[in-house]
C-alpha atoms as a PDB file:
ATOM      1  CA  UNK A   1      13.724   8.825  20.782  1.00  0.00           C
ATOM      2  CA  UNK A   2      14.270   7.647  17.258  1.00  0.00           C
ATOM      3  CA  UNK A   3      17.668   6.328  16.269  1.00  0.00           C
ATOM      4  CA  UNK A   4      17.388   8.022  12.876  1.00  0.00           C
ATOM      5  CA  UNK A   5      16.611  11.440  14.281  1.00  0.00           C
ATOM      6  CA  UNK A   6      17.339  12.091  17.950  1.00  0.00           C
ATOM      7  CA  UNK A   7      15.084  15.168  17.915  1.00  0.00           C
ATOM      8  CA  UNK A   8      11.997  13.062  17.154  1.00  0.00           C
ATOM      9  CA  UNK A   9      10.330  12.293  20.472  1.00  0.00           C
ATOM     10  CA  UNK A  10       7.611   9.894  19.351  1.00  0.00           C
ATOM     11  CA  UNK A  11       4.903  12.079  20.826  1.00  0.00           C
ATOM     12  CA  UNK A  12       1.784  13.267  19.091  1.00  0.00           C
ATOM     13  CA  UNK A  13       2.697  16.916  19.650  1.00  0.00           C
ATOM     14  CA  UNK A  14       6.010  16.459  17.795  1.00  0.00           C
ATOM     15  CA  UNK A  15       5.665  17.544  14.121  1.00  0.00           C
ATOM     16  CA  UNK A  16       8.643  15.427  12.982  1.00  0.00           C
ATOM     17  CA  UNK A  17       7.130  12.332  14.592  1.00  0.00           C
ATOM     18  CA  UNK A  18       3.749  12.984  12.994  1.00  0.00           C
ATOM     19  CA  UNK A  19       5.367  13.513   9.608  1.00  0.00           C
ATOM     20  CA  UNK A  20       7.330  10.266   9.792  1.00  0.00           C
ATOM     21  CA  UNK A  21       4.267   8.407  11.049  1.00  0.00           C
ATOM     22  CA  UNK A  22       2.139   9.820   8.226  1.00  0.00           C
ATOM     23  CA  UNK A  23       4.684   8.871   5.585  1.00  0.00           C
ATOM     24  CA  UNK A  24       4.922   5.322   6.926  1.00  0.00           C
ATOM     25  CA  UNK A  25       1.134   5.015   6.879  1.00  0.00           C
ATOM     26  CA  UNK A  26       0.913   6.285   3.307  1.00  0.00           C
ATOM     27  CA  UNK A  27       3.598   3.846   2.190  1.00  0.00           C
ATOM     28  CA  UNK A  28       1.688   0.980   3.804  1.00  0.00           C
ATOM     29  CA  UNK A  29      -1.622   2.021   2.194  1.00  0.00           C
ATOM     30  CA  UNK A  30      -0.043   2.224  -1.249  1.00  0.00           C
ATOM     31  CA  UNK A  31       2.058  -0.921  -1.085  1.00  0.00           C
ATOM     32  CA  UNK A  32       1.622  -3.805  -3.509  1.00  0.00           C
ATOM     33  CA  UNK A  33       0.469  -5.969  -0.604  1.00  0.00           C
ATOM     34  CA  UNK A  34      -2.310  -3.497   0.230  1.00  0.00           C
ATOM     35  CA  UNK A  35      -3.521  -3.497  -3.372  1.00  0.00           C
ATOM     36  CA  UNK A  36      -3.471  -7.300  -3.511  1.00  0.00           C
ATOM     37  CA  UNK A  37      -5.433  -7.565  -0.253  1.00  0.00           C
ATOM     38  CA  UNK A  38      -8.024  -5.085  -1.567  1.00  0.00           C
ATOM     39  CA  UNK A  39      -8.375  -7.005  -4.830  1.00  0.00           C
ATOM     40  CA  UNK A  40      -8.786 -10.337  -3.049  1.00  0.00           C
ATOM     41  CA  UNK A  41     -11.360  -8.807  -0.690  1.00  0.00           C
ATOM     42  CA  UNK A  42     -13.419  -7.599  -3.666  1.00  0.00           C
ATOM     43  CA  UNK A  43     -12.987 -10.793  -5.722  1.00  0.00           C
ATOM     44  CA  UNK A  44     -16.651 -11.844  -5.375  1.00  0.00           C
ATOM     45  CA  UNK A  45     -17.693  -8.543  -6.988  1.00  0.00           C
ATOM     46  CA  UNK A  46     -15.552  -9.045 -10.095  1.00  0.00           C
ATOM     47  CA  UNK A  47     -17.342  -9.771 -13.327  1.00  0.00           C
ATOM     48  CA  UNK A  48     -16.134 -12.479 -15.681  1.00  0.00           C
ATOM     49  CA  UNK A  49     -14.721  -9.719 -17.901  1.00  0.00           C
ATOM     50  CA  UNK A  50     -12.730  -8.346 -14.947  1.00  0.00           C
ATOM     51  CA  UNK A  51     -11.445 -11.825 -14.148  1.00  0.00           C
ATOM     52  CA  UNK A  52     -10.303 -12.445 -17.715  1.00  0.00           C
ATOM     53  CA  UNK A  53      -8.507  -9.072 -17.771  1.00  0.00           C
ATOM     54  CA  UNK A  54      -6.855  -9.886 -14.471  1.00  0.00           C
ATOM     55  CA  UNK A  55      -5.792 -13.334 -15.706  1.00  0.00           C
ATOM     56  CA  UNK A  56      -4.211 -11.754 -18.784  1.00  0.00           C
ATOM     57  CA  UNK A  57      -2.377  -9.144 -16.702  1.00  0.00           C
ATOM     58  CA  UNK A  58      -1.051 -11.710 -14.258  1.00  0.00           C
ATOM     59  CA  UNK A  59       0.048 -13.997 -17.086  1.00  0.00           C
ATOM     60  CA  UNK A  60       1.908 -11.258 -18.980  1.00  0.00           C
ATOM     61  CA  UNK A  61       5.589 -10.785 -18.299  1.00  0.00           C
ATOM     62  CA  UNK A  62       5.449  -6.998 -18.652  1.00  0.00           C
ATOM     63  CA  UNK A  63       2.455  -6.373 -16.382  1.00  0.00           C
ATOM     64  CA  UNK A  64       0.203  -5.399 -19.294  1.00  0.00           C
ATOM     65  CA  UNK A  65       2.266  -2.438 -20.483  1.00  0.00           C
END
């Protein structure tokens, strides 16, 4: 049982468990770390224009806004 919600059993037939598990997975997929890993993985595919844009964004203090 979960400490946060004693009714959540941690079983695949438990809708509350599936909901919590799905939310945690979505948060992980959309985390900054996930985006950084994806960018690093695709680094060889970046054009020089992409690299210069990325350098400028990383160098800016406001994130390019």
